[in-house]
Amino acid sequence: MPKKVVLVEDDPFLSSLLGNRLKKEGFELISVKKGSEVLKALRDNNPDLVLLDIILPEKSGFEILSEIRSDPATSQVPVIILSNLGQESDMERGKALGVADYIVKAKVTIDELVNKIKNFSSQKEA
């Protein structure tokens, strides 16, 4: 059964690029562009992983992450932040909110990112 990944990304180019690549690697992808749609997508799809941008319309990724963690139906879903915000304070805030990883977009290639996701998914199975 393919692993389900919810991708929360409002940049159409990156969303399409990463989404197509993850599908090619055998993941089932649920793409969300607005912060207000994330919890519903998580509840409806029961994903194995969430890739969460921080800078989004309507709500910040940190607000969404707090909502995910405070909802019993979604609190245990692993979240990897994928953001252009690379300040130490942002990374610490993400870790304090229980992210599995914090990846700065500018510091990772698409191949490296997909490999991290695949490695995370295989570790979760073990």
PDB file of N, CA and C in Angstrom:
ATOM      1  N   MET A   1       0.839  -1.185   0.000  1.00  0.00           N
ATOM      2  CA  MET A   1       0.000   0.000   0.000  1.00  0.00           C
ATOM      3  C   MET A   1       0.886   1.251   0.000  1.00  0.00           C
ATOM      4  N   PRO A   2       0.642   2.204  -0.885  1.00  0.00           N
ATOM      5  CA  PRO A   2       1.506   3.385  -0.944  1.00  0.00           C
ATOM      6  C   PRO A   2       1.356   4.253   0.296  1.00  0.00           C
ATOM      7  N   LYS A   3       2.451   4.875   0.666  1.00  0.00           N
ATOM      8  CA  LYS A   3       2.435   5.814   1.778  1.00  0.00           C
ATOM      9  C   LYS A   3       1.726   7.087   1.348  1.00  0.00           C
ATOM     10  N   LYS A   4       0.885   7.612   2.240  1.00  0.00           N
ATOM     11  CA  LYS A   4       0.160   8.853   1.946  1.00  0.00           C
ATOM     12  C   LYS A   4       0.932  10.035   2.512  1.00  0.00           C
ATOM     13  N   VAL A   5       1.132  11.035   1.663  1.00  0.00           N
ATOM     14  CA  VAL A   5       1.816  12.256   2.064  1.00  0.00           C
ATOM     15  C   VAL A   5       0.901  13.440   1.767  1.00  0.00           C
ATOM     16  N   VAL A   6       0.683  14.275   2.779  1.00  0.00           N
ATOM     17  CA  VAL A   6      -0.025  15.531   2.566  1.00  0.00           C
ATOM     18  C   VAL A   6       1.033  16.607   2.374  1.00  0.00           C
ATOM     19  N   LEU A   7       1.008  17.247   1.223  1.00  0.00           N
ATOM     20  CA  LEU A   7       1.935  18.326   0.903  1.00  0.00           C
ATOM     21  C   LEU A   7       1.200  19.652   1.053  1.00  0.00           C
ATOM     22  N   VAL A   8       1.653  20.472   2.003  1.00  0.00           N
ATOM     23  CA  VAL A   8       1.051  21.776   2.245  1.00  0.00           C
ATOM     24  C   VAL A   8       2.016  22.822   1.696  1.00  0.00           C
ATOM     25  N   GLU A   9       1.732  23.258   0.481  1.00  0.00           N
ATOM     26  CA  GLU A   9       2.638  24.166  -0.243  1.00  0.00           C
ATOM     27  C   GLU A   9       1.815  25.041  -1.178  1.00  0.00           C
ATOM     28  N   ASP A  10       1.988  26.363  -1.068  1.00  0.00           N
ATOM     29  CA  ASP A  10       1.206  27.261  -1.909  1.00  0.00           C
ATOM     30  C   ASP A  10       1.930  27.673  -3.186  1.00  0.00           C
ATOM     31  N   ASP A  11       3.196  27.340  -3.321  1.00  0.00           N
ATOM     32  CA  ASP A  11       3.925  27.651  -4.554  1.00  0.00           C
ATOM     33  C   ASP A  11       3.578  26.602  -5.604  1.00  0.00           C
ATOM     34  N   PRO A  12       2.875  26.999  -6.680  1.00  0.00           N
ATOM     35  CA  PRO A  12       2.413  26.011  -7.658  1.00  0.00           C
ATOM     36  C   PRO A  12       3.549  25.234  -8.318  1.00  0.00           C
ATOM     37  N   PHE A  13       4.672  25.896  -8.593  1.00  0.00           N
ATOM     38  CA  PHE A  13       5.783  25.220  -9.251  1.00  0.00           C
ATOM     39  C   PHE A  13       6.376  24.145  -8.338  1.00  0.00           C
ATOM     40  N   LEU A  14       6.690  24.525  -7.109  1.00  0.00           N
ATOM     41  CA  LEU A  14       7.282  23.561  -6.183  1.00  0.00           C
ATOM     42  C   LEU A  14       6.305  22.443  -5.851  1.00  0.00           C
ATOM     43  N   SER A  15       5.042  22.788  -5.661  1.00  0.00           N
ATOM     44  CA  SER A  15       4.023  21.789  -5.362  1.00  0.00           C
ATOM     45  C   SER A  15       3.927  20.763  -6.490  1.00  0.00           C
ATOM     46  N   SER A  16       3.920  21.239  -7.725  1.00  0.00           N
ATOM     47  CA  SER A  16       3.832  20.352  -8.874  1.00  0.00           C
ATOM     48  C   SER A  16       5.097  19.507  -9.017  1.00  0.00           C
ATOM     49  N   LEU A  17       6.253  20.146  -8.896  1.00  0.00           N
ATOM     50  CA  LEU A  17       7.529  19.449  -9.043  1.00  0.00           C
ATOM     51  C   LEU A  17       7.677  18.345  -7.994  1.00  0.00           C
ATOM     52  N   LEU A  18       7.483  18.703  -6.746  1.00  0.00           N
ATOM     53  CA  LEU A  18       7.633  17.725  -5.668  1.00  0.00           C
ATOM     54  C   LEU A  18       6.523  16.687  -5.713  1.00  0.00           C
ATOM     55  N   GLY A  19       5.310  17.135  -5.989  1.00  0.00           N
ATOM     56  CA  GLY A  19       4.182  16.213  -6.069  1.00  0.00           C
ATOM     57  C   GLY A  19       4.369  15.160  -7.140  1.00  0.00           C
ATOM     58  N   ASN A  20       4.771  15.582  -8.334  1.00  0.00           N
ATOM     59  CA  ASN A  20       5.001  14.633  -9.426  1.00  0.00           C
ATOM     60  C   ASN A  20       6.116  13.656  -9.087  1.00  0.00           C
ATOM     61  N   ARG A  21       7.147  14.165  -8.456  1.00  0.00           N
ATOM     62  CA  ARG A  21       8.275  13.295  -8.102  1.00  0.00           C
ATOM     63  C   ARG A  21       7.874  12.266  -7.044  1.00  0.00           C
ATOM     64  N   LEU A  22       7.120  12.686  -6.050  1.00  0.00           N
ATOM     65  CA  LEU A  22       6.678  11.751  -5.010  1.00  0.00           C
ATOM     66  C   LEU A  22       5.746  10.690  -5.591  1.00  0.00           C
ATOM     67  N   LYS A  23       4.854  11.098  -6.481  1.00  0.00           N
ATOM     68  CA  LYS A  23       3.971  10.123  -7.137  1.00  0.00           C
ATOM     69  C   LYS A  23       4.789   9.117  -7.934  1.00  0.00           C
ATOM     70  N   LYS A  24       5.798   9.595  -8.637  1.00  0.00           N
ATOM     71  CA  LYS A  24       6.680   8.723  -9.424  1.00  0.00           C
ATOM     72  C   LYS A  24       7.398   7.710  -8.513  1.00  0.00           C
ATOM     73  N   GLU A  25       7.673   8.123  -7.278  1.00  0.00           N
ATOM     74  CA  GLU A  25       8.360   7.252  -6.316  1.00  0.00           C
ATOM     75  C   GLU A  25       7.390   6.321  -5.589  1.00  0.00           C
ATOM     76  N   GLY A  26       6.096   6.396  -5.943  1.00  0.00           N
ATOM     77  CA  GLY A  26       5.127   5.470  -5.383  1.00  0.00           C
ATOM     78  C   GLY A  26       4.319   5.977  -4.204  1.00  0.00           C
ATOM     79  N   PHE A  27       4.442   7.256  -3.888  1.00  0.00           N
ATOM     80  CA  PHE A  27       3.656   7.826  -2.795  1.00  0.00           C
ATOM     81  C   PHE A  27       2.286   8.252  -3.300  1.00  0.00           C
ATOM     82  N   GLU A  28       1.300   8.186  -2.421  1.00  0.00           N
ATOM     83  CA  GLU A  28      -0.005   8.774  -2.710  1.00  0.00           C
ATOM     84  C   GLU A  28       0.042  10.193  -2.176  1.00  0.00           C
ATOM     85  N   LEU A  29      -0.275  11.168  -3.008  1.00  0.00           N
ATOM     86  CA  LEU A  29      -0.105  12.565  -2.642  1.00  0.00           C
ATOM     87  C   LEU A  29      -1.443  13.272  -2.507  1.00  0.00           C
ATOM     88  N   ILE A  30      -1.575  14.006  -1.410  1.00  0.00           N
ATOM     89  CA  ILE A  30      -2.718  14.887  -1.197  1.00  0.00           C
ATOM     90  C   ILE A  30      -2.127  16.287  -1.104  1.00  0.00           C
ATOM     91  N   SER A  31      -2.484  17.158  -2.025  1.00  0.00           N
ATOM     92  CA  SER A  31      -1.898  18.491  -2.082  1.00  0.00           C
ATOM     93  C   SER A  31      -2.871  19.521  -1.504  1.00  0.00           C
ATOM     94  N   VAL A  32      -2.357  20.366  -0.615  1.00  0.00           N
ATOM     95  CA  VAL A  32      -3.162  21.398   0.038  1.00  0.00           C
ATOM     96  C   VAL A  32      -2.438  22.729  -0.120  1.00  0.00           C
ATOM     97  N   LYS A  33      -3.163  23.762  -0.493  1.00  0.00           N
ATOM     98  CA  LYS A  33      -2.542  25.060  -0.708  1.00  0.00           C
ATOM     99  C   LYS A  33      -2.864  26.091   0.376  1.00  0.00           C
ATOM    100  N   LYS A  34      -3.952  25.889   1.094  1.00  0.00           N
ATOM    101  CA  LYS A  34      -4.382  26.862   2.099  1.00  0.00           C
ATOM    102  C   LYS A  34      -4.344  26.252   3.495  1.00  0.00           C
ATOM    103  N   GLY A  35      -3.941  27.073   4.443  1.00  0.00           N
ATOM    104  CA  GLY A  35      -3.861  26.618   5.822  1.00  0.00           C
ATOM    105  C   GLY A  35      -5.185  26.131   6.382  1.00  0.00           C
ATOM    106  N   SER A  36      -6.282  26.738   5.933  1.00  0.00           N
ATOM    107  CA  SER A  36      -7.598  26.372   6.451  1.00  0.00           C
ATOM    108  C   SER A  36      -8.032  24.974   6.016  1.00  0.00           C
ATOM    109  N   GLU A  37      -7.356  24.389   5.018  1.00  0.00           N
ATOM    110  CA  GLU A  37      -7.758  23.085   4.496  1.00  0.00           C
ATOM    111  C   GLU A  37      -6.960  21.915   5.076  1.00  0.00           C
ATOM    112  N   VAL A  38      -5.934  22.214   5.855  1.00  0.00           N
ATOM    113  CA  VAL A  38      -5.000  21.170   6.284  1.00  0.00           C
ATOM    114  C   VAL A  38      -5.634  20.145   7.225  1.00  0.00           C
ATOM    115  N   LEU A  39      -6.276  20.597   8.288  1.00  0.00           N
ATOM    116  CA  LEU A  39      -6.841  19.637   9.248  1.00  0.00           C
ATOM    117  C   LEU A  39      -7.868  18.716   8.602  1.00  0.00           C
ATOM    118  N   LYS A  40      -8.695  19.257   7.732  1.00  0.00           N
ATOM    119  CA  LYS A  40      -9.680  18.422   7.032  1.00  0.00           C
ATOM    120  C   LYS A  40      -8.969  17.367   6.174  1.00  0.00           C
ATOM    121  N   ALA A  41      -7.923  17.786   5.475  1.00  0.00           N
ATOM    122  CA  ALA A  41      -7.166  16.836   4.641  1.00  0.00           C
ATOM    123  C   ALA A  41      -6.552  15.736   5.493  1.00  0.00           C
ATOM    124  N   LEU A  42      -6.063  16.090   6.676  1.00  0.00           N
ATOM    125  CA  LEU A  42      -5.469  15.087   7.564  1.00  0.00           C
ATOM    126  C   LEU A  42      -6.526  14.128   8.095  1.00  0.00           C
ATOM    127  N   ARG A  43      -7.656  14.678   8.529  1.00  0.00           N
ATOM    128  CA  ARG A  43      -8.727  13.827   9.058  1.00  0.00           C
ATOM    129  C   ARG A  43      -9.304  12.912   7.981  1.00  0.00           C
ATOM    130  N   ASP A  44      -9.468  13.442   6.767  1.00  0.00           N
ATOM    131  CA  ASP A  44     -10.074  12.669   5.684  1.00  0.00           C
ATOM    132  C   ASP A  44      -9.149  11.593   5.115  1.00  0.00           C
ATOM    133  N   ASN A  45      -7.840  11.805   5.198  1.00  0.00           N
ATOM    134  CA  ASN A  45      -6.902  10.924   4.503  1.00  0.00           C
ATOM    135  C   ASN A  45      -5.988  10.097   5.389  1.00  0.00           C
ATOM    136  N   ASN A  46      -5.903  10.416   6.673  1.00  0.00           N
ATOM    137  CA  ASN A  46      -5.046   9.678   7.595  1.00  0.00           C
ATOM    138  C   ASN A  46      -3.651   9.435   6.994  1.00  0.00           C
ATOM    139  N   PRO A  47      -2.899  10.519   6.736  1.00  0.00           N
ATOM    140  CA  PRO A  47      -1.614  10.380   6.055  1.00  0.00           C
ATOM    141  C   PRO A  47      -0.527   9.784   6.950  1.00  0.00           C
ATOM    142  N   ASP A  48       0.520   9.292   6.291  1.00  0.00           N
ATOM    143  CA  ASP A  48       1.693   8.784   6.987  1.00  0.00           C
ATOM    144  C   ASP A  48       2.678   9.906   7.308  1.00  0.00           C
ATOM    145  N   LEU A  49       2.550  11.015   6.580  1.00  0.00           N
ATOM    146  CA  LEU A  49       3.497  12.115   6.722  1.00  0.00           C
ATOM    147  C   LEU A  49       2.890  13.396   6.177  1.00  0.00           C
ATOM    148  N   VAL A  50       3.254  14.528   6.800  1.00  0.00           N
ATOM    149  CA  VAL A  50       2.861  15.845   6.313  1.00  0.00           C
ATOM    150  C   VAL A  50       4.131  16.630   6.003  1.00  0.00           C
ATOM    151  N   LEU A  51       4.185  17.209   4.805  1.00  0.00           N
ATOM    152  CA  LEU A  51       5.236  18.154   4.442  1.00  0.00           C
ATOM    153  C   LEU A  51       4.611  19.526   4.523  1.00  0.00           C
ATOM    154  N   LEU A  52       5.106  20.369   5.413  1.00  0.00           N
ATOM    155  CA  LEU A  52       4.441  21.623   5.743  1.00  0.00           C
ATOM    156  C   LEU A  52       5.327  22.830   5.497  1.00  0.00           C
ATOM    157  N   ASP A  53       4.866  23.719   4.631  1.00  0.00           N
ATOM    158  CA  ASP A  53       5.527  25.007   4.439  1.00  0.00           C
ATOM    159  C   ASP A  53       5.128  25.902   5.618  1.00  0.00           C
ATOM    160  N   ILE A  54       5.927  26.920   5.888  1.00  0.00           N
ATOM    161  CA  ILE A  54       5.607  27.835   6.991  1.00  0.00           C
ATOM    162  C   ILE A  54       4.871  29.076   6.484  1.00  0.00           C
ATOM    163  N   ILE A  55       5.310  29.614   5.348  1.00  0.00           N
ATOM    164  CA  ILE A  55       4.700  30.835   4.822  1.00  0.00           C
ATOM    165  C   ILE A  55       3.572  30.441   3.879  1.00  0.00           C
ATOM    166  N   LEU A  56       2.342  30.584   4.369  1.00  0.00           N
ATOM    167  CA  LEU A  56       1.146  30.167   3.631  1.00  0.00           C
ATOM    168  C   LEU A  56       0.076  31.247   3.719  1.00  0.00           C
ATOM    169  N   PRO A  57      -0.873  31.237   2.777  1.00  0.00           N
ATOM    170  CA  PRO A  57      -2.002  32.155   2.904  1.00  0.00           C
ATOM    171  C   PRO A  57      -2.899  31.741   4.077  1.00  0.00           C
ATOM    172  N   GLU A  58      -3.521  32.684   4.692  1.00  0.00           N
ATOM    173  CA  GLU A  58      -4.505  32.495   5.760  1.00  0.00           C
ATOM    174  C   GLU A  58      -3.891  32.203   7.122  1.00  0.00           C
ATOM    175  N   LYS A  59      -3.029  31.198   7.213  1.00  0.00           N
ATOM    176  CA  LYS A  59      -2.426  30.810   8.492  1.00  0.00           C
ATOM    177  C   LYS A  59      -0.969  30.451   8.247  1.00  0.00           C
ATOM    178  N   SER A  60      -0.144  30.679   9.262  1.00  0.00           N
ATOM    179  CA  SER A  60       1.255  30.259   9.124  1.00  0.00           C
ATOM    180  C   SER A  60       1.362  28.758   9.398  1.00  0.00           C
ATOM    181  N   GLY A  61       2.412  28.178   8.907  1.00  0.00           N
ATOM    182  CA  GLY A  61       2.661  26.765   9.171  1.00  0.00           C
ATOM    183  C   GLY A  61       2.764  26.476  10.658  1.00  0.00           C
ATOM    184  N   PHE A  62       3.294  27.428  11.426  1.00  0.00           N
ATOM    185  CA  PHE A  62       3.388  27.221  12.874  1.00  0.00           C
ATOM    186  C   PHE A  62       1.998  27.156  13.517  1.00  0.00           C
ATOM    187  N   GLU A  63       1.077  28.004  13.043  1.00  0.00           N
ATOM    188  CA  GLU A  63      -0.301  27.947  13.546  1.00  0.00           C
ATOM    189  C   GLU A  63      -0.932  26.601  13.193  1.00  0.00           C
ATOM    190  N   ILE A  64      -0.708  26.165  11.955  1.00  0.00           N
ATOM    191  CA  ILE A  64      -1.248  24.879  11.516  1.00  0.00           C
ATOM    192  C   ILE A  64      -0.656  23.743  12.332  1.00  0.00           C
ATOM    193  N   LEU A  65       0.644  23.795  12.562  1.00  0.00           N
ATOM    194  CA  LEU A  65       1.306  22.757  13.343  1.00  0.00           C
ATOM    195  C   LEU A  65       0.737  22.687  14.759  1.00  0.00           C
ATOM    196  N   SER A  66       0.474  23.833  15.359  1.00  0.00           N
ATOM    197  CA  SER A  66      -0.146  23.851  16.692  1.00  0.00           C
ATOM    198  C   SER A  66      -1.523  23.200  16.655  1.00  0.00           C
ATOM    199  N   GLU A  67      -2.298  23.481  15.618  1.00  0.00           N
ATOM    200  CA  GLU A  67      -3.625  22.877  15.472  1.00  0.00           C
ATOM    201  C   GLU A  67      -3.520  21.361  15.289  1.00  0.00           C
ATOM    202  N   ILE A  68      -2.567  20.932  14.468  1.00  0.00           N
ATOM    203  CA  ILE A  68      -2.362  19.494  14.248  1.00  0.00           C
ATOM    204  C   ILE A  68      -2.051  18.803  15.567  1.00  0.00           C
ATOM    205  N   ARG A  69      -1.158  19.392  16.337  1.00  0.00           N
ATOM    206  CA  ARG A  69      -0.727  18.774  17.599  1.00  0.00           C
ATOM    207  C   ARG A  69      -1.816  18.803  18.677  1.00  0.00           C
ATOM    208  N   SER A  70      -2.720  19.778  18.619  1.00  0.00           N
ATOM    209  CA  SER A  70      -3.753  19.874  19.651  1.00  0.00           C
ATOM    210  C   SER A  70      -5.015  19.079  19.326  1.00  0.00           C
ATOM    211  N   ASP A  71      -5.104  18.529  18.120  1.00  0.00           N
ATOM    212  CA  ASP A  71      -6.268  17.743  17.715  1.00  0.00           C
ATOM    213  C   ASP A  71      -5.950  16.257  17.917  1.00  0.00           C
ATOM    214  N   PRO A  72      -6.699  15.564  18.784  1.00  0.00           N
ATOM    215  CA  PRO A  72      -6.411  14.149  19.044  1.00  0.00           C
ATOM    216  C   PRO A  72      -6.410  13.278  17.781  1.00  0.00           C
ATOM    217  N   ALA A  73      -7.183  13.656  16.772  1.00  0.00           N
ATOM    218  CA  ALA A  73      -7.250  12.862  15.546  1.00  0.00           C
ATOM    219  C   ALA A  73      -5.992  12.998  14.692  1.00  0.00           C
ATOM    220  N   THR A  74      -5.224  14.070  14.904  1.00  0.00           N
ATOM    221  CA  THR A  74      -4.052  14.313  14.050  1.00  0.00           C
ATOM    222  C   THR A  74      -2.747  14.484  14.825  1.00  0.00           C
ATOM    223  N   SER A  75      -2.816  14.457  16.130  1.00  0.00           N
ATOM    224  CA  SER A  75      -1.648  14.810  16.944  1.00  0.00           C
ATOM    225  C   SER A  75      -0.430  13.918  16.734  1.00  0.00           C
ATOM    226  N   GLN A  76      -0.635  12.694  16.287  1.00  0.00           N
ATOM    227  CA  GLN A  76       0.488  11.765  16.133  1.00  0.00           C
ATOM    228  C   GLN A  76       1.051  11.698  14.708  1.00  0.00           C
ATOM    229  N   VAL A  77       0.470  12.460  13.782  1.00  0.00           N
ATOM    230  CA  VAL A  77       0.951  12.435  12.399  1.00  0.00           C
ATOM    231  C   VAL A  77       2.320  13.112  12.341  1.00  0.00           C
ATOM    232  N   PRO A  78       3.340  12.435  11.786  1.00  0.00           N
ATOM    233  CA  PRO A  78       4.654  13.064  11.660  1.00  0.00           C
ATOM    234  C   PRO A  78       4.611  14.228  10.669  1.00  0.00           C
ATOM    235  N   VAL A  79       5.297  15.307  11.033  1.00  0.00           N
ATOM    236  CA  VAL A  79       5.339  16.502  10.197  1.00  0.00           C
ATOM    237  C   VAL A  79       6.796  16.864   9.923  1.00  0.00           C
ATOM    238  N   ILE A  80       7.093  17.102   8.656  1.00  0.00           N
ATOM    239  CA  ILE A  80       8.389  17.644   8.266  1.00  0.00           C
ATOM    240  C   ILE A  80       8.135  19.041   7.725  1.00  0.00           C
ATOM    241  N   ILE A  81       8.793  20.027   8.324  1.00  0.00           N
ATOM    242  CA  ILE A  81       8.673  21.386   7.821  1.00  0.00           C
ATOM    243  C   ILE A  81       9.612  21.531   6.628  1.00  0.00           C
ATOM    244  N   LEU A  82       9.078  22.119   5.580  1.00  0.00           N
ATOM    245  CA  LEU A  82       9.824  22.403   4.359  1.00  0.00           C
ATOM    246  C   LEU A  82       9.624  23.883   4.074  1.00  0.00           C
ATOM    247  N   SER A  83      10.629  24.707   4.417  1.00  0.00           N
ATOM    248  CA  SER A  83      10.419  26.147   4.379  1.00  0.00           C
ATOM    249  C   SER A  83      11.653  26.895   3.902  1.00  0.00           C
ATOM    250  N   ASN A  84      11.438  28.136   3.485  1.00  0.00           N
ATOM    251  CA  ASN A  84      12.555  29.031   3.198  1.00  0.00           C
ATOM    252  C   ASN A  84      13.043  29.721   4.464  1.00  0.00           C
ATOM    253  N   LEU A  85      12.277  29.624   5.544  1.00  0.00           N
ATOM    254  CA  LEU A  85      12.699  30.225   6.807  1.00  0.00           C
ATOM    255  C   LEU A  85      13.744  29.321   7.455  1.00  0.00           C
ATOM    256  N   GLY A  86      14.974  29.796   7.486  1.00  0.00           N
ATOM    257  CA  GLY A  86      16.048  28.970   8.012  1.00  0.00           C
ATOM    258  C   GLY A  86      16.710  29.528   9.256  1.00  0.00           C
ATOM    259  N   GLN A  87      16.053  30.492   9.897  1.00  0.00           N
ATOM    260  CA  GLN A  87      16.603  31.061  11.124  1.00  0.00           C
ATOM    261  C   GLN A  87      16.607  30.001  12.226  1.00  0.00           C
ATOM    262  N   GLU A  88      17.598  30.069  13.080  1.00  0.00           N
ATOM    263  CA  GLU A  88      17.686  29.122  14.199  1.00  0.00           C
ATOM    264  C   GLU A  88      16.421  29.172  15.060  1.00  0.00           C
ATOM    265  N   SER A  89      15.865  30.371  15.259  1.00  0.00           N
ATOM    266  CA  SER A  89      14.668  30.506  16.093  1.00  0.00           C
ATOM    267  C   SER A  89      13.469  29.791  15.454  1.00  0.00           C
ATOM    268  N   ASP A  90      13.370  29.837  14.122  1.00  0.00           N
ATOM    269  CA  ASP A  90      12.285  29.138  13.441  1.00  0.00           C
ATOM    270  C   ASP A  90      12.445  27.627  13.590  1.00  0.00           C
ATOM    271  N   MET A  91      13.673  27.164  13.429  1.00  0.00           N
ATOM    272  CA  MET A  91      13.938  25.733  13.541  1.00  0.00           C
ATOM    273  C   MET A  91      13.658  25.237  14.965  1.00  0.00           C
ATOM    274  N   GLU A  92      14.056  26.034  15.946  1.00  0.00           N
ATOM    275  CA  GLU A  92      13.792  25.659  17.342  1.00  0.00           C
ATOM    276  C   GLU A  92      12.286  25.640  17.623  1.00  0.00           C
ATOM    277  N   ARG A  93      11.581  26.599  17.081  1.00  0.00           N
ATOM    278  CA  ARG A  93      10.119  26.648  17.266  1.00  0.00           C
ATOM    279  C   ARG A  93       9.466  25.400  16.674  1.00  0.00           C
ATOM    280  N   GLY A  94       9.899  25.012  15.475  1.00  0.00           N
ATOM    281  CA  GLY A  94       9.375  23.802  14.848  1.00  0.00           C
ATOM    282  C   GLY A  94       9.650  22.568  15.685  1.00  0.00           C
ATOM    283  N   LYS A  95      10.861  22.459  16.181  1.00  0.00           N
ATOM    284  CA  LYS A  95      11.222  21.295  17.009  1.00  0.00           C
ATOM    285  C   LYS A  95      10.424  21.281  18.309  1.00  0.00           C
ATOM    286  N   ALA A  96      10.194  22.475  18.879  1.00  0.00           N
ATOM    287  CA  ALA A  96       9.395  22.560  20.107  1.00  0.00           C
ATOM    288  C   ALA A  96       7.962  22.099  19.860  1.00  0.00           C
ATOM    289  N   LEU A  97       7.488  22.262  18.631  1.00  0.00           N
ATOM    290  CA  LEU A  97       6.139  21.828  18.270  1.00  0.00           C
ATOM    291  C   LEU A  97       6.114  20.383  17.779  1.00  0.00           C
ATOM    292  N   GLY A  98       7.242  19.709  17.860  1.00  0.00           N
ATOM    293  CA  GLY A  98       7.277  18.269  17.606  1.00  0.00           C
ATOM    294  C   GLY A  98       7.439  17.838  16.166  1.00  0.00           C
ATOM    295  N   VAL A  99       8.145  18.632  15.337  1.00  0.00           N
ATOM    296  CA  VAL A  99       8.352  18.194  13.958  1.00  0.00           C
ATOM    297  C   VAL A  99       9.383  17.070  13.899  1.00  0.00           C
ATOM    298  N   ALA A 100       9.226  16.212  12.912  1.00  0.00           N
ATOM    299  CA  ALA A 100      10.167  15.120  12.712  1.00  0.00           C
ATOM    300  C   ALA A 100      11.467  15.628  12.098  1.00  0.00           C
ATOM    301  N   ASP A 101      11.366  16.696  11.298  1.00  0.00           N
ATOM    302  CA  ASP A 101      12.546  17.284  10.667  1.00  0.00           C
ATOM    303  C   ASP A 101      12.181  18.687  10.211  1.00  0.00           C
ATOM    304  N   TYR A 102      13.204  19.502  10.008  1.00  0.00           N
ATOM    305  CA  TYR A 102      13.023  20.872   9.528  1.00  0.00           C
ATOM    306  C   TYR A 102      14.001  21.037   8.377  1.00  0.00           C
ATOM    307  N   ILE A 103      13.485  21.189   7.167  1.00  0.00           N
ATOM    308  CA  ILE A 103      14.317  21.258   5.979  1.00  0.00           C
ATOM    309  C   ILE A 103      14.173  22.637   5.348  1.00  0.00           C
ATOM    310  N   VAL A 104      15.309  23.289   5.114  1.00  0.00           N
ATOM    311  CA  VAL A 104      15.319  24.589   4.453  1.00  0.00           C
ATOM    312  C   VAL A 104      15.388  24.346   2.944  1.00  0.00           C
ATOM    313  N   LYS A 105      14.383  24.844   2.230  1.00  0.00           N
ATOM    314  CA  LYS A 105      14.257  24.588   0.784  1.00  0.00           C
ATOM    315  C   LYS A 105      15.534  24.916   0.017  1.00  0.00           C
ATOM    316  N   ALA A 106      16.139  26.053   0.329  1.00  0.00           N
ATOM    317  CA  ALA A 106      17.305  26.505  -0.430  1.00  0.00           C
ATOM    318  C   ALA A 106      18.537  25.631  -0.201  1.00  0.00           C
ATOM    319  N   LYS A 107      18.501  24.793   0.828  1.00  0.00           N
ATOM    320  CA  LYS A 107      19.678  23.989   1.170  1.00  0.00           C
ATOM    321  C   LYS A 107      19.545  22.526   0.771  1.00  0.00           C
ATOM    322  N   VAL A 108      18.518  22.197   0.001  1.00  0.00           N
ATOM    323  CA  VAL A 108      18.299  20.796  -0.355  1.00  0.00           C
ATOM    324  C   VAL A 108      17.850  20.699  -1.813  1.00  0.00           C
ATOM    325  N   THR A 109      18.352  19.679  -2.502  1.00  0.00           N
ATOM    326  CA  THR A 109      17.882  19.435  -3.870  1.00  0.00           C
ATOM    327  C   THR A 109      16.618  18.588  -3.802  1.00  0.00           C
ATOM    328  N   ILE A 110      15.904  18.514  -4.903  1.00  0.00           N
ATOM    329  CA  ILE A 110      14.682  17.700  -4.946  1.00  0.00           C
ATOM    330  C   ILE A 110      15.027  16.229  -4.696  1.00  0.00           C
ATOM    331  N   ASP A 111      16.158  15.769  -5.232  1.00  0.00           N
ATOM    332  CA  ASP A 111      16.584  14.380  -5.010  1.00  0.00           C
ATOM    333  C   ASP A 111      16.858  14.115  -3.537  1.00  0.00           C
ATOM    334  N   GLU A 112      17.568  15.048  -2.892  1.00  0.00           N
ATOM    335  CA  GLU A 112      17.870  14.883  -1.466  1.00  0.00           C
ATOM    336  C   GLU A 112      16.582  14.875  -0.654  1.00  0.00           C
ATOM    337  N   LEU A 113      15.660  15.745  -0.999  1.00  0.00           N
ATOM    338  CA  LEU A 113      14.387  15.820  -0.287  1.00  0.00           C
ATOM    339  C   LEU A 113      13.592  14.529  -0.437  1.00  0.00           C
ATOM    340  N   VAL A 114      13.491  14.028  -1.649  1.00  0.00           N
ATOM    341  CA  VAL A 114      12.752  12.788  -1.881  1.00  0.00           C
ATOM    342  C   VAL A 114      13.417  11.628  -1.132  1.00  0.00           C
ATOM    343  N   ASN A 115      14.745  11.592  -1.132  1.00  0.00           N
ATOM    344  CA  ASN A 115      15.451  10.537  -0.387  1.00  0.00           C
ATOM    345  C   ASN A 115      15.186  10.637   1.112  1.00  0.00           C
ATOM    346  N   LYS A 116      15.146  11.856   1.650  1.00  0.00           N
ATOM    347  CA  LYS A 116      14.826  12.028   3.072  1.00  0.00           C
ATOM    348  C   LYS A 116      13.422  11.501   3.378  1.00  0.00           C
ATOM    349  N   ILE A 117      12.476  11.815   2.497  1.00  0.00           N
ATOM    350  CA  ILE A 117      11.095  11.364   2.697  1.00  0.00           C
ATOM    351  C   ILE A 117      11.025   9.839   2.622  1.00  0.00           C
ATOM    352  N   LYS A 118      11.703   9.265   1.640  1.00  0.00           N
ATOM    353  CA  LYS A 118      11.721   7.796   1.508  1.00  0.00           C
ATOM    354  C   LYS A 118      12.375   7.146   2.723  1.00  0.00           C
ATOM    355  N   ASN A 119      13.477   7.711   3.190  1.00  0.00           N
ATOM    356  CA  ASN A 119      14.156   7.172   4.377  1.00  0.00           C
ATOM    357  C   ASN A 119      13.272   7.290   5.607  1.00  0.00           C
ATOM    358  N   PHE A 120      12.609   8.413   5.748  1.00  0.00           N
ATOM    359  CA  PHE A 120      11.711   8.605   6.895  1.00  0.00           C
ATOM    360  C   PHE A 120      10.586   7.582   6.849  1.00  0.00           C
ATOM    361  N   SER A 121      10.008   7.384   5.672  1.00  0.00           N
ATOM    362  CA  SER A 121       8.903   6.435   5.521  1.00  0.00           C
ATOM    363  C   SER A 121       9.327   5.016   5.844  1.00  0.00           C
ATOM    364  N   SER A 122      10.540   4.631   5.410  1.00  0.00           N
ATOM    365  CA  SER A 122      10.998   3.267   5.685  1.00  0.00           C
ATOM    366  C   SER A 122      11.356   3.086   7.160  1.00  0.00           C
ATOM    367  N   GLN A 123      11.849   4.130   7.828  1.00  0.00           N
ATOM    368  CA  GLN A 123      12.128   4.059   9.260  1.00  0.00           C
ATOM    369  C   GLN A 123      10.846   3.917  10.049  1.00  0.00           C
ATOM    370  N   LYS A 124       9.800   4.602   9.593  1.00  0.00           N
ATOM    371  CA  LYS A 124       8.506   4.546  10.284  1.00  0.00           C
ATOM    372  C   LYS A 124       7.910   3.147  10.246  1.00  0.00           C
ATOM    373  N   GLU A 125       8.196   2.404   9.164  1.00  0.00           N
ATOM    374  CA  GLU A 125       7.674   1.037   9.034  1.00  0.00           C
ATOM    375  C   GLU A 125       8.339   0.098  10.011  1.00  0.00           C
ATOM    376  N   ALA A 126       9.606   0.362  10.310  1.00  0.00           N
ATOM    377  CA  ALA A 126      10.396  -0.557  11.149  1.00  0.00           C
ATOM    378  C   ALA A 126       9.947  -0.567  12.593  1.00  0.00           C
TER     379      ALA A 126
END
